[in-house]
């Protein structure tokens, strides 16, 4: 009888150990303490986005600070292939998208970045703990978090993994499609908590970018043609030239019709602040704004807009993102 009790007790101990392995209590406690004790962070790393057509690679530095009354964000994103940088900034004056190579700043009012998950923000990773399907396991590096992926602009991602170190610093975030292939790989190379930023670090662009210089922009072989067409057919292509600028118009017809207008971008000779009456839309590495039935990319290479009464905002974003990797003539 005693032997049976001992065996049963041993089985319960093994089961309990398994439960702790699947969901260590101390991780959630550490996550709660991290939220309470952290007033700022800066995380730098590399983000790769892969698909059957292309691989995009970005160097990213995300910075955040909170005060008693406000939260401030600054994300510096550099396209490694183009060596072009864009900066997204949120402060008390609004939300700004800054393109130094064009001497342009777009100003928005809105909820960015809390309007959708961002793989380069600590807040997004900690919010995974709220998922009913989250799984937490201990490993040699620290803690592995697994949860469903919900990135509005990347519908193919269904599952994600986030690795934290034992010191509660993110090491990587990886997103997988239904075939368990990794399409999103965010590797964090340096993570610092509670650091002191310079007084003007989150200031409005007129101050922080008072010495912007325009870099050389390569000519693009236009037009680009989208791969994501939602069963629509290209029915007409027109080319117009005005003031030395060549504009390409691509008309797609079908149940989900849309029109693409694109032209080579021109850098501003002087600093230009553009206030936008529209919603900032962010994909994985792509920035755009939506106003009515029009989605316009904020690009370092070309002026690109999609018009449609039939496509959703995220479907229009898919059109734009597919054009960045496809030249079909």
C-alpha atoms as a PDB file:
ATOM      1  CA  UNK A   1       0.000   0.000   0.000  1.00  0.00           C
ATOM      2  CA  UNK A   2       2.791   2.388   0.903  1.00  0.00           C
ATOM      3  CA  UNK A   3       4.483   1.549  -2.401  1.00  0.00           C
ATOM      4  CA  UNK A   4       1.329   2.489  -4.335  1.00  0.00           C
ATOM      5  CA  UNK A   5       1.063   5.761  -2.430  1.00  0.00           C
ATOM      6  CA  UNK A   6       4.716   6.530  -3.193  1.00  0.00           C
ATOM      7  CA  UNK A   7       4.188   5.792  -6.892  1.00  0.00           C
ATOM      8  CA  UNK A   8       1.075   7.988  -6.982  1.00  0.00           C
ATOM      9  CA  UNK A   9       2.892  10.791  -5.199  1.00  0.00           C
ATOM     10  CA  UNK A  10       5.757  10.505  -7.660  1.00  0.00           C
ATOM     11  CA  UNK A  11       3.347  10.683 -10.611  1.00  0.00           C
ATOM     12  CA  UNK A  12       1.733  13.807  -9.179  1.00  0.00           C
ATOM     13  CA  UNK A  13       5.166  15.384  -8.700  1.00  0.00           C
ATOM     14  CA  UNK A  14       6.105  14.643 -12.319  1.00  0.00           C
ATOM     15  CA  UNK A  15       2.779  16.087 -13.527  1.00  0.00           C
ATOM     16  CA  UNK A  16       3.249  19.195 -11.417  1.00  0.00           C
ATOM     17  CA  UNK A  17       6.768  19.632 -12.786  1.00  0.00           C
ATOM     18  CA  UNK A  18       5.340  19.367 -16.311  1.00  0.00           C
ATOM     19  CA  UNK A  19       2.769  22.060 -15.592  1.00  0.00           C
ATOM     20  CA  UNK A  20       5.475  24.341 -14.249  1.00  0.00           C
ATOM     21  CA  UNK A  21       7.522  23.664 -17.359  1.00  0.00           C
ATOM     22  CA  UNK A  22       4.615  24.601 -19.601  1.00  0.00           C
ATOM     23  CA  UNK A  23       3.744  27.756 -17.680  1.00  0.00           C
ATOM     24  CA  UNK A  24       6.361  28.923 -15.178  1.00  0.00           C
ATOM     25  CA  UNK A  25       4.738  31.098 -12.563  1.00  0.00           C
ATOM     26  CA  UNK A  26       7.830  33.233 -12.123  1.00  0.00           C
ATOM     27  CA  UNK A  27       7.746  34.491 -15.740  1.00  0.00           C
ATOM     28  CA  UNK A  28       4.371  36.128 -15.308  1.00  0.00           C
ATOM     29  CA  UNK A  29       5.544  37.589 -12.014  1.00  0.00           C
ATOM     30  CA  UNK A  30       8.706  38.895 -13.676  1.00  0.00           C
ATOM     31  CA  UNK A  31       6.665  40.341 -16.547  1.00  0.00           C
ATOM     32  CA  UNK A  32       4.432  42.198 -14.086  1.00  0.00           C
ATOM     33  CA  UNK A  33       7.491  43.571 -12.271  1.00  0.00           C
ATOM     34  CA  UNK A  34       9.044  44.578 -15.597  1.00  0.00           C
ATOM     35  CA  UNK A  35       5.954  46.611 -16.499  1.00  0.00           C
ATOM     36  CA  UNK A  36       5.937  48.309 -13.109  1.00  0.00           C
ATOM     37  CA  UNK A  37       9.653  49.066 -12.893  1.00  0.00           C
ATOM     38  CA  UNK A  38      10.378  50.123 -16.474  1.00  0.00           C
ATOM     39  CA  UNK A  39       9.963  53.768 -17.429  1.00  0.00           C
ATOM     40  CA  UNK A  40      11.964  53.618 -20.673  1.00  0.00           C
ATOM     41  CA  UNK A  41      13.676  51.226 -23.035  1.00  0.00           C
ATOM     42  CA  UNK A  42      15.661  51.092 -26.244  1.00  0.00           C
ATOM     43  CA  UNK A  43      15.898  47.944 -28.357  1.00  0.00           C
ATOM     44  CA  UNK A  44      18.012  47.554 -31.497  1.00  0.00           C
ATOM     45  CA  UNK A  45      18.054  44.695 -33.926  1.00  0.00           C
ATOM     46  CA  UNK A  46      17.375  43.349 -37.391  1.00  0.00           C
ATOM     47  CA  UNK A  47      14.019  42.412 -38.924  1.00  0.00           C
ATOM     48  CA  UNK A  48      13.691  40.124 -41.944  1.00  0.00           C
ATOM     49  CA  UNK A  49      10.410  39.611 -43.804  1.00  0.00           C
ATOM     50  CA  UNK A  50      10.382  36.749 -46.294  1.00  0.00           C
ATOM     51  CA  UNK A  51       7.857  35.530 -48.839  1.00  0.00           C
ATOM     52  CA  UNK A  52       7.928  33.381 -51.931  1.00  0.00           C
ATOM     53  CA  UNK A  53       8.926  36.424 -53.972  1.00  0.00           C
ATOM     54  CA  UNK A  54      11.435  38.330 -51.895  1.00  0.00           C
ATOM     55  CA  UNK A  55      13.368  38.940 -48.687  1.00  0.00           C
ATOM     56  CA  UNK A  56      13.319  42.380 -47.063  1.00  0.00           C
ATOM     57  CA  UNK A  57      15.761  43.308 -44.328  1.00  0.00           C
ATOM     58  CA  UNK A  58      15.599  46.260 -41.944  1.00  0.00           C
ATOM     59  CA  UNK A  59      17.754  47.611 -39.143  1.00  0.00           C
ATOM     60  CA  UNK A  60      15.399  48.789 -36.395  1.00  0.00           C
ATOM     61  CA  UNK A  61      15.845  50.759 -33.195  1.00  0.00           C
ATOM     62  CA  UNK A  62      12.733  51.255 -31.073  1.00  0.00           C
ATOM     63  CA  UNK A  63      12.708  53.654 -28.124  1.00  0.00           C
ATOM     64  CA  UNK A  64      10.011  54.307 -25.536  1.00  0.00           C
ATOM     65  CA  UNK A  65       9.618  56.505 -22.486  1.00  0.00           C
ATOM     66  CA  UNK A  66       6.732  57.235 -20.147  1.00  0.00           C
ATOM     67  CA  UNK A  67       6.116  60.096 -17.756  1.00  0.00           C
ATOM     68  CA  UNK A  68       3.287  60.675 -15.307  1.00  0.00           C
ATOM     69  CA  UNK A  69       1.084  62.023 -18.088  1.00  0.00           C
ATOM     70  CA  UNK A  70       2.433  60.813 -21.442  1.00  0.00           C
ATOM     71  CA  UNK A  71       4.055  58.045 -23.453  1.00  0.00           C
ATOM     72  CA  UNK A  72       6.635  58.688 -26.156  1.00  0.00           C
ATOM     73  CA  UNK A  73       7.734  56.381 -28.980  1.00  0.00           C
ATOM     74  CA  UNK A  74      10.460  56.622 -31.596  1.00  0.00           C
ATOM     75  CA  UNK A  75      11.141  53.909 -34.168  1.00  0.00           C
ATOM     76  CA  UNK A  76      14.082  54.245 -36.567  1.00  0.00           C
ATOM     77  CA  UNK A  77      13.777  51.852 -39.506  1.00  0.00           C
ATOM     78  CA  UNK A  78      16.464  51.502 -42.182  1.00  0.00           C
ATOM     79  CA  UNK A  79      15.928  49.488 -45.357  1.00  0.00           C
ATOM     80  CA  UNK A  80      19.261  47.674 -45.706  1.00  0.00           C
ATOM     81  CA  UNK A  81      18.951  47.164 -49.470  1.00  0.00           C
ATOM     82  CA  UNK A  82      18.247  50.848 -50.178  1.00  0.00           C
ATOM     83  CA  UNK A  83      20.224  52.272 -47.243  1.00  0.00           C
ATOM     84  CA  UNK A  84      17.283  54.620 -46.652  1.00  0.00           C
ATOM     85  CA  UNK A  85      15.898  55.482 -43.235  1.00  0.00           C
ATOM     86  CA  UNK A  86      12.418  56.355 -42.002  1.00  0.00           C
ATOM     87  CA  UNK A  87      11.523  57.419 -38.477  1.00  0.00           C
ATOM     88  CA  UNK A  88       8.164  57.155 -36.745  1.00  0.00           C
ATOM     89  CA  UNK A  89       7.790  59.446 -33.765  1.00  0.00           C
ATOM     90  CA  UNK A  90       4.995  59.979 -31.266  1.00  0.00           C
ATOM     91  CA  UNK A  91       5.070  62.845 -28.790  1.00  0.00           C
ATOM     92  CA  UNK A  92       2.639  65.364 -27.296  1.00  0.00           C
ATOM     93  CA  UNK A  93       2.256  67.126 -30.651  1.00  0.00           C
ATOM     94  CA  UNK A  94       1.129  64.076 -32.630  1.00  0.00           C
ATOM     95  CA  UNK A  95       2.522  61.255 -34.725  1.00  0.00           C
ATOM     96  CA  UNK A  96       5.220  61.961 -37.317  1.00  0.00           C
ATOM     97  CA  UNK A  97       6.719  59.941 -40.163  1.00  0.00           C
ATOM     98  CA  UNK A  98      10.104  61.373 -41.057  1.00  0.00           C
ATOM     99  CA  UNK A  99      11.999  60.575 -44.267  1.00  0.00           C
ATOM    100  CA  UNK A 100      15.410  62.256 -44.025  1.00  0.00           C
ATOM    101  CA  UNK A 101      16.427  61.428 -47.618  1.00  0.00           C
ATOM    102  CA  UNK A 102      13.442  63.421 -48.914  1.00  0.00           C
ATOM    103  CA  UNK A 103      13.524  66.232 -46.326  1.00  0.00           C
ATOM    104  CA  UNK A 104       9.877  65.383 -45.631  1.00  0.00           C
ATOM    105  CA  UNK A 105       7.842  64.936 -42.483  1.00  0.00           C
ATOM    106  CA  UNK A 106       4.223  63.737 -42.436  1.00  0.00           C
ATOM    107  CA  UNK A 107       2.199  64.678 -39.355  1.00  0.00           C
ATOM    108  CA  UNK A 108      -0.782  62.616 -38.157  1.00  0.00           C
ATOM    109  CA  UNK A 109      -3.233  62.535 -35.298  1.00  0.00           C
ATOM    110  CA  UNK A 110      -4.055  59.013 -34.179  1.00  0.00           C
ATOM    111  CA  UNK A 111      -3.448  56.070 -31.903  1.00  0.00           C
ATOM    112  CA  UNK A 112      -0.173  54.808 -33.355  1.00  0.00           C
ATOM    113  CA  UNK A 113       1.470  52.549 -32.237  1.00  0.00           C
ATOM    114  CA  UNK A 114      -1.243  51.073 -29.990  1.00  0.00           C
ATOM    115  CA  UNK A 115      -3.628  50.575 -32.935  1.00  0.00           C
ATOM    116  CA  UNK A 116      -1.995  47.264 -33.955  1.00  0.00           C
ATOM    117  CA  UNK A 117       0.769  44.859 -32.837  1.00  0.00           C
ATOM    118  CA  UNK A 118       4.369  45.794 -33.639  1.00  0.00           C
ATOM    119  CA  UNK A 119       7.052  43.053 -33.561  1.00  0.00           C
ATOM    120  CA  UNK A 120       9.718  45.552 -32.481  1.00  0.00           C
ATOM    121  CA  UNK A 121       7.883  46.853 -29.382  1.00  0.00           C
ATOM    122  CA  UNK A 122       8.138  45.342 -25.901  1.00  0.00           C
ATOM    123  CA  UNK A 123       4.467  46.151 -25.285  1.00  0.00           C
ATOM    124  CA  UNK A 124       3.398  43.857 -28.122  1.00  0.00           C
ATOM    125  CA  UNK A 125       5.430  40.952 -26.753  1.00  0.00           C
ATOM    126  CA  UNK A 126       4.115  41.316 -23.205  1.00  0.00           C
ATOM    127  CA  UNK A 127       0.531  41.549 -24.475  1.00  0.00           C
ATOM    128  CA  UNK A 128       0.855  37.950 -25.691  1.00  0.00           C
ATOM    129  CA  UNK A 129       0.384  36.899 -22.067  1.00  0.00           C
ATOM    130  CA  UNK A 130      -3.254  37.972 -22.378  1.00  0.00           C
ATOM    131  CA  UNK A 131      -3.921  35.341 -25.043  1.00  0.00           C
ATOM    132  CA  UNK A 132      -5.936  32.326 -23.915  1.00  0.00           C
ATOM    133  CA  UNK A 133      -3.715  30.152 -26.117  1.00  0.00           C
ATOM    134  CA  UNK A 134      -0.351  31.384 -24.836  1.00  0.00           C
ATOM    135  CA  UNK A 135       2.218  28.768 -23.845  1.00  0.00           C
ATOM    136  CA  UNK A 136       5.264  29.576 -21.729  1.00  0.00           C
ATOM    137  CA  UNK A 137       8.198  27.216 -21.333  1.00  0.00           C
ATOM    138  CA  UNK A 138      11.542  27.490 -19.603  1.00  0.00           C
ATOM    139  CA  UNK A 139      14.679  26.724 -21.589  1.00  0.00           C
ATOM    140  CA  UNK A 140      18.421  27.240 -21.344  1.00  0.00           C
ATOM    141  CA  UNK A 141      18.173  30.857 -22.606  1.00  0.00           C
ATOM    142  CA  UNK A 142      15.284  31.889 -20.392  1.00  0.00           C
ATOM    143  CA  UNK A 143      11.606  31.808 -21.358  1.00  0.00           C
ATOM    144  CA  UNK A 144       9.924  30.928 -24.657  1.00  0.00           C
ATOM    145  CA  UNK A 145       6.484  32.432 -25.328  1.00  0.00           C
ATOM    146  CA  UNK A 146       4.245  30.926 -28.028  1.00  0.00           C
ATOM    147  CA  UNK A 147       0.926  32.425 -29.100  1.00  0.00           C
ATOM    148  CA  UNK A 148      -1.240  33.051 -32.168  1.00  0.00           C
ATOM    149  CA  UNK A 149      -0.001  35.790 -34.493  1.00  0.00           C
ATOM    150  CA  UNK A 150      -2.387  38.646 -35.218  1.00  0.00           C
ATOM    151  CA  UNK A 151      -0.740  41.192 -37.508  1.00  0.00           C
ATOM    152  CA  UNK A 152      -3.479  42.872 -39.600  1.00  0.00           C
ATOM    153  CA  UNK A 153      -1.142  43.563 -42.527  1.00  0.00           C
ATOM    154  CA  UNK A 154       0.348  40.037 -42.514  1.00  0.00           C
ATOM    155  CA  UNK A 155      -2.585  37.664 -42.712  1.00  0.00           C
ATOM    156  CA  UNK A 156      -0.367  34.688 -43.589  1.00  0.00           C
ATOM    157  CA  UNK A 157       1.213  34.723 -40.121  1.00  0.00           C
ATOM    158  CA  UNK A 158      -0.701  32.412 -37.787  1.00  0.00           C
ATOM    159  CA  UNK A 159       1.778  31.570 -35.020  1.00  0.00           C
ATOM    160  CA  UNK A 160       4.653  33.355 -33.272  1.00  0.00           C
ATOM    161  CA  UNK A 161       7.418  32.643 -30.814  1.00  0.00           C
ATOM    162  CA  UNK A 162       9.161  35.137 -28.547  1.00  0.00           C
ATOM    163  CA  UNK A 163      12.331  34.240 -26.657  1.00  0.00           C
ATOM    164  CA  UNK A 164      13.162  36.196 -23.490  1.00  0.00           C
ATOM    165  CA  UNK A 165      16.452  35.944 -21.637  1.00  0.00           C
ATOM    166  CA  UNK A 166      16.604  35.103 -17.955  1.00  0.00           C
ATOM    167  CA  UNK A 167      17.038  38.853 -17.394  1.00  0.00           C
ATOM    168  CA  UNK A 168      13.675  39.460 -19.140  1.00  0.00           C
ATOM    169  CA  UNK A 169      15.150  40.948 -22.293  1.00  0.00           C
ATOM    170  CA  UNK A 170      13.727  39.862 -25.669  1.00  0.00           C
ATOM    171  CA  UNK A 171      16.129  37.879 -27.837  1.00  0.00           C
ATOM    172  CA  UNK A 172      13.938  37.240 -30.881  1.00  0.00           C
ATOM    173  CA  UNK A 173      10.380  37.237 -32.227  1.00  0.00           C
ATOM    174  CA  UNK A 174       9.571  34.857 -35.076  1.00  0.00           C
ATOM    175  CA  UNK A 175       6.288  34.604 -37.001  1.00  0.00           C
ATOM    176  CA  UNK A 176       5.227  31.497 -38.914  1.00  0.00           C
ATOM    177  CA  UNK A 177       2.666  30.757 -41.636  1.00  0.00           C
ATOM    178  CA  UNK A 178       0.251  27.810 -41.765  1.00  0.00           C
ATOM    179  CA  UNK A 179       3.025  25.610 -43.216  1.00  0.00           C
ATOM    180  CA  UNK A 180       5.220  26.449 -40.202  1.00  0.00           C
ATOM    181  CA  UNK A 181       7.619  28.448 -42.370  1.00  0.00           C
ATOM    182  CA  UNK A 182       9.158  31.546 -40.784  1.00  0.00           C
ATOM    183  CA  UNK A 183       8.131  34.725 -42.621  1.00  0.00           C
ATOM    184  CA  UNK A 184       9.004  37.223 -39.873  1.00  0.00           C
ATOM    185  CA  UNK A 185      12.307  37.144 -38.016  1.00  0.00           C
ATOM    186  CA  UNK A 186      13.035  39.966 -35.554  1.00  0.00           C
ATOM    187  CA  UNK A 187      16.401  39.515 -33.826  1.00  0.00           C
ATOM    188  CA  UNK A 188      17.228  41.850 -30.931  1.00  0.00           C
ATOM    189  CA  UNK A 189      20.938  42.650 -30.627  1.00  0.00           C
ATOM    190  CA  UNK A 190      20.845  45.187 -27.794  1.00  0.00           C
ATOM    191  CA  UNK A 191      18.167  45.864 -25.163  1.00  0.00           C
ATOM    192  CA  UNK A 192      18.433  48.519 -22.445  1.00  0.00           C
ATOM    193  CA  UNK A 193      15.900  49.353 -19.749  1.00  0.00           C
ATOM    194  CA  UNK A 194      15.483  52.596 -17.799  1.00  0.00           C
ATOM    195  CA  UNK A 195      18.030  54.573 -19.734  1.00  0.00           C
ATOM    196  CA  UNK A 196      18.093  58.372 -19.789  1.00  0.00           C
ATOM    197  CA  UNK A 197      17.338  59.993 -23.162  1.00  0.00           C
ATOM    198  CA  UNK A 198      18.546  63.414 -24.255  1.00  0.00           C
ATOM    199  CA  UNK A 199      16.014  66.188 -23.658  1.00  0.00           C
ATOM    200  CA  UNK A 200      15.231  66.595 -27.369  1.00  0.00           C
ATOM    201  CA  UNK A 201      15.183  62.887 -28.275  1.00  0.00           C
ATOM    202  CA  UNK A 202      11.393  62.777 -28.709  1.00  0.00           C
ATOM    203  CA  UNK A 203      10.955  66.401 -29.786  1.00  0.00           C
ATOM    204  CA  UNK A 204       9.054  67.416 -32.906  1.00  0.00           C
ATOM    205  CA  UNK A 205      10.940  67.117 -36.229  1.00  0.00           C
ATOM    206  CA  UNK A 206      11.358  70.863 -36.821  1.00  0.00           C
ATOM    207  CA  UNK A 207      13.763  70.838 -33.899  1.00  0.00           C
ATOM    208  CA  UNK A 208      15.312  67.394 -34.041  1.00  0.00           C
ATOM    209  CA  UNK A 209      15.874  67.447 -37.813  1.00  0.00           C
ATOM    210  CA  UNK A 210      17.086  70.981 -38.349  1.00  0.00           C
ATOM    211  CA  UNK A 211      20.148  69.781 -40.264  1.00  0.00           C
ATOM    212  CA  UNK A 212      18.594  67.220 -42.609  1.00  0.00           C
ATOM    213  CA  UNK A 213      20.382  66.719 -45.913  1.00  0.00           C
ATOM    214  CA  UNK A 214      18.970  65.165 -49.066  1.00  0.00           C
ATOM    215  CA  UNK A 215      20.680  62.018 -50.301  1.00  0.00           C
ATOM    216  CA  UNK A 216      20.863  60.776 -53.855  1.00  0.00           C
ATOM    217  CA  UNK A 217      17.832  58.755 -55.026  1.00  0.00           C
ATOM    218  CA  UNK A 218      18.206  56.164 -57.779  1.00  0.00           C
ATOM    219  CA  UNK A 219      15.985  56.111 -60.838  1.00  0.00           C
ATOM    220  CA  UNK A 220      13.368  53.327 -60.732  1.00  0.00           C
ATOM    221  CA  UNK A 221      12.298  51.343 -63.770  1.00  0.00           C
ATOM    222  CA  UNK A 222       8.573  52.108 -63.632  1.00  0.00           C
ATOM    223  CA  UNK A 223       5.890  50.947 -63.696  1.00  0.00           C
ATOM    224  CA  UNK A 224       5.909  48.259 -61.048  1.00  0.00           C
ATOM    225  CA  UNK A 225       3.113  45.691 -61.228  1.00  0.00           C
ATOM    226  CA  UNK A 226       1.463  44.149 -58.154  1.00  0.00           C
ATOM    227  CA  UNK A 227       1.388  40.415 -57.500  1.00  0.00           C
ATOM    228  CA  UNK A 228      -1.573  40.750 -55.115  1.00  0.00           C
ATOM    229  CA  UNK A 229      -4.485  41.572 -57.460  1.00  0.00           C
ATOM    230  CA  UNK A 230      -7.397  39.711 -55.785  1.00  0.00           C
ATOM    231  CA  UNK A 231      -8.506  38.124 -59.096  1.00  0.00           C
ATOM    232  CA  UNK A 232      -8.731  41.513 -60.809  1.00  0.00           C
ATOM    233  CA  UNK A 233      -7.348  41.889 -64.350  1.00  0.00           C
ATOM    234  CA  UNK A 234      -5.171  44.673 -65.695  1.00  0.00           C
ATOM    235  CA  UNK A 235      -7.309  46.344 -68.358  1.00  0.00           C
ATOM    236  CA  UNK A 236      -5.544  49.631 -69.045  1.00  0.00           C
ATOM    237  CA  UNK A 237      -2.152  51.292 -68.600  1.00  0.00           C
ATOM    238  CA  UNK A 238      -1.591  54.982 -69.290  1.00  0.00           C
ATOM    239  CA  UNK A 239       1.448  57.228 -69.024  1.00  0.00           C
ATOM    240  CA  UNK A 240       1.328  61.005 -68.635  1.00  0.00           C
ATOM    241  CA  UNK A 241       4.094  63.576 -68.244  1.00  0.00           C
ATOM    242  CA  UNK A 242       3.716  66.919 -66.494  1.00  0.00           C
ATOM    243  CA  UNK A 243       6.434  69.294 -65.253  1.00  0.00           C
ATOM    244  CA  UNK A 244       9.053  66.692 -66.076  1.00  0.00           C
ATOM    245  CA  UNK A 245       7.359  63.990 -63.959  1.00  0.00           C
ATOM    246  CA  UNK A 246       6.163  60.783 -65.584  1.00  0.00           C
ATOM    247  CA  UNK A 247       3.077  59.229 -63.991  1.00  0.00           C
ATOM    248  CA  UNK A 248       1.900  55.655 -64.595  1.00  0.00           C
ATOM    249  CA  UNK A 249      -1.762  54.668 -64.101  1.00  0.00           C
ATOM    250  CA  UNK A 250      -2.682  50.960 -63.895  1.00  0.00           C
ATOM    251  CA  UNK A 251      -6.395  50.076 -63.932  1.00  0.00           C
ATOM    252  CA  UNK A 252      -7.507  46.668 -62.631  1.00  0.00           C
ATOM    253  CA  UNK A 253     -11.064  45.465 -63.265  1.00  0.00           C
ATOM    254  CA  UNK A 254     -13.100  42.757 -61.533  1.00  0.00           C
ATOM    255  CA  UNK A 255     -15.341  42.220 -58.541  1.00  0.00           C
ATOM    256  CA  UNK A 256     -12.622  43.881 -56.470  1.00  0.00           C
ATOM    257  CA  UNK A 257     -11.398  46.605 -58.776  1.00  0.00           C
ATOM    258  CA  UNK A 258      -8.640  49.080 -58.010  1.00  0.00           C
ATOM    259  CA  UNK A 259      -6.343  51.630 -59.654  1.00  0.00           C
ATOM    260  CA  UNK A 260      -2.638  52.186 -59.019  1.00  0.00           C
ATOM    261  CA  UNK A 261      -0.904  55.511 -59.667  1.00  0.00           C
ATOM    262  CA  UNK A 262       2.882  55.686 -59.365  1.00  0.00           C
ATOM    263  CA  UNK A 263       5.726  58.034 -60.238  1.00  0.00           C
ATOM    264  CA  UNK A 264       9.331  58.683 -59.312  1.00  0.00           C
ATOM    265  CA  UNK A 265       9.618  60.540 -56.008  1.00  0.00           C
ATOM    266  CA  UNK A 266      11.350  63.919 -55.869  1.00  0.00           C
ATOM    267  CA  UNK A 267      13.203  65.104 -52.791  1.00  0.00           C
ATOM    268  CA  UNK A 268      12.330  68.496 -51.335  1.00  0.00           C
ATOM    269  CA  UNK A 269      15.137  71.025 -51.461  1.00  0.00           C
ATOM    270  CA  UNK A 270      13.978  72.467 -48.154  1.00  0.00           C
ATOM    271  CA  UNK A 271      12.507  70.887 -45.044  1.00  0.00           C
ATOM    272  CA  UNK A 272       8.811  70.140 -45.668  1.00  0.00           C
ATOM    273  CA  UNK A 273       6.152  69.414 -43.034  1.00  0.00           C
ATOM    274  CA  UNK A 274       2.971  67.865 -44.446  1.00  0.00           C
ATOM    275  CA  UNK A 275      -0.086  67.583 -42.208  1.00  0.00           C
ATOM    276  CA  UNK A 276      -2.192  64.590 -43.214  1.00  0.00           C
ATOM    277  CA  UNK A 277      -5.916  64.303 -42.682  1.00  0.00           C
ATOM    278  CA  UNK A 278      -5.858  60.520 -42.714  1.00  0.00           C
ATOM    279  CA  UNK A 279      -5.002  57.366 -40.818  1.00  0.00           C
ATOM    280  CA  UNK A 280      -1.423  56.133 -40.526  1.00  0.00           C
ATOM    281  CA  UNK A 281      -1.294  52.508 -41.702  1.00  0.00           C
ATOM    282  CA  UNK A 282       1.753  50.403 -40.931  1.00  0.00           C
ATOM    283  CA  UNK A 283       2.666  47.065 -42.444  1.00  0.00           C
ATOM    284  CA  UNK A 284       5.785  45.046 -41.753  1.00  0.00           C
ATOM    285  CA  UNK A 285       8.332  47.529 -43.054  1.00  0.00           C
ATOM    286  CA  UNK A 286       5.774  49.591 -45.024  1.00  0.00           C
ATOM    287  CA  UNK A 287       4.259  52.949 -44.050  1.00  0.00           C
ATOM    288  CA  UNK A 288       1.199  54.486 -45.687  1.00  0.00           C
ATOM    289  CA  UNK A 289      -1.819  56.655 -44.931  1.00  0.00           C
ATOM    290  CA  UNK A 290      -5.478  56.083 -45.730  1.00  0.00           C
ATOM    291  CA  UNK A 291      -8.031  58.730 -46.597  1.00  0.00           C
ATOM    292  CA  UNK A 292     -11.415  57.729 -47.978  1.00  0.00           C
ATOM    293  CA  UNK A 293     -10.826  55.213 -50.772  1.00  0.00           C
ATOM    294  CA  UNK A 294      -7.141  56.036 -51.220  1.00  0.00           C
ATOM    295  CA  UNK A 295      -4.038  54.471 -49.646  1.00  0.00           C
ATOM    296  CA  UNK A 296      -0.746  56.298 -50.243  1.00  0.00           C
ATOM    297  CA  UNK A 297       2.645  54.808 -49.446  1.00  0.00           C
ATOM    298  CA  UNK A 298       5.210  56.950 -47.645  1.00  0.00           C
ATOM    299  CA  UNK A 299       8.166  55.742 -49.659  1.00  0.00           C
ATOM    300  CA  UNK A 300      11.770  56.771 -50.163  1.00  0.00           C
ATOM    301  CA  UNK A 301      11.637  55.642 -53.794  1.00  0.00           C
ATOM    302  CA  UNK A 302       8.350  56.580 -55.437  1.00  0.00           C
ATOM    303  CA  UNK A 303       4.998  58.288 -55.040  1.00  0.00           C
ATOM    304  CA  UNK A 304       2.541  55.376 -54.976  1.00  0.00           C
ATOM    305  CA  UNK A 305      -1.224  55.351 -54.348  1.00  0.00           C
ATOM    306  CA  UNK A 306      -3.963  52.727 -54.603  1.00  0.00           C
ATOM    307  CA  UNK A 307      -7.593  53.760 -55.133  1.00  0.00           C
ATOM    308  CA  UNK A 308     -10.431  51.305 -54.505  1.00  0.00           C
ATOM    309  CA  UNK A 309     -14.026  51.141 -53.288  1.00  0.00           C
ATOM    310  CA  UNK A 310     -13.858  47.338 -53.149  1.00  0.00           C
ATOM    311  CA  UNK A 311     -10.643  46.515 -51.273  1.00  0.00           C
ATOM    312  CA  UNK A 312     -10.148  46.867 -47.525  1.00  0.00           C
ATOM    313  CA  UNK A 313      -7.347  49.049 -46.186  1.00  0.00           C
ATOM    314  CA  UNK A 314      -5.159  46.016 -45.461  1.00  0.00           C
ATOM    315  CA  UNK A 315      -5.835  44.557 -48.905  1.00  0.00           C
ATOM    316  CA  UNK A 316      -4.752  47.834 -50.463  1.00  0.00           C
ATOM    317  CA  UNK A 317      -1.623  47.642 -48.335  1.00  0.00           C
ATOM    318  CA  UNK A 318      -1.003  44.123 -49.696  1.00  0.00           C
ATOM    319  CA  UNK A 319      -1.162  45.557 -53.226  1.00  0.00           C
ATOM    320  CA  UNK A 320       1.470  48.141 -52.335  1.00  0.00           C
ATOM    321  CA  UNK A 321       3.740  45.666 -50.566  1.00  0.00           C
ATOM    322  CA  UNK A 322       3.571  43.197 -53.447  1.00  0.00           C
ATOM    323  CA  UNK A 323       4.620  45.945 -55.867  1.00  0.00           C
ATOM    324  CA  UNK A 324       7.781  46.569 -53.930  1.00  0.00           C
ATOM    325  CA  UNK A 325       9.100  43.164 -54.911  1.00  0.00           C
ATOM    326  CA  UNK A 326       7.629  42.654 -58.383  1.00  0.00           C
ATOM    327  CA  UNK A 327       8.538  44.107 -61.762  1.00  0.00           C
ATOM    328  CA  UNK A 328       6.383  42.331 -64.365  1.00  0.00           C
ATOM    329  CA  UNK A 329       6.408  43.621 -67.908  1.00  0.00           C
END
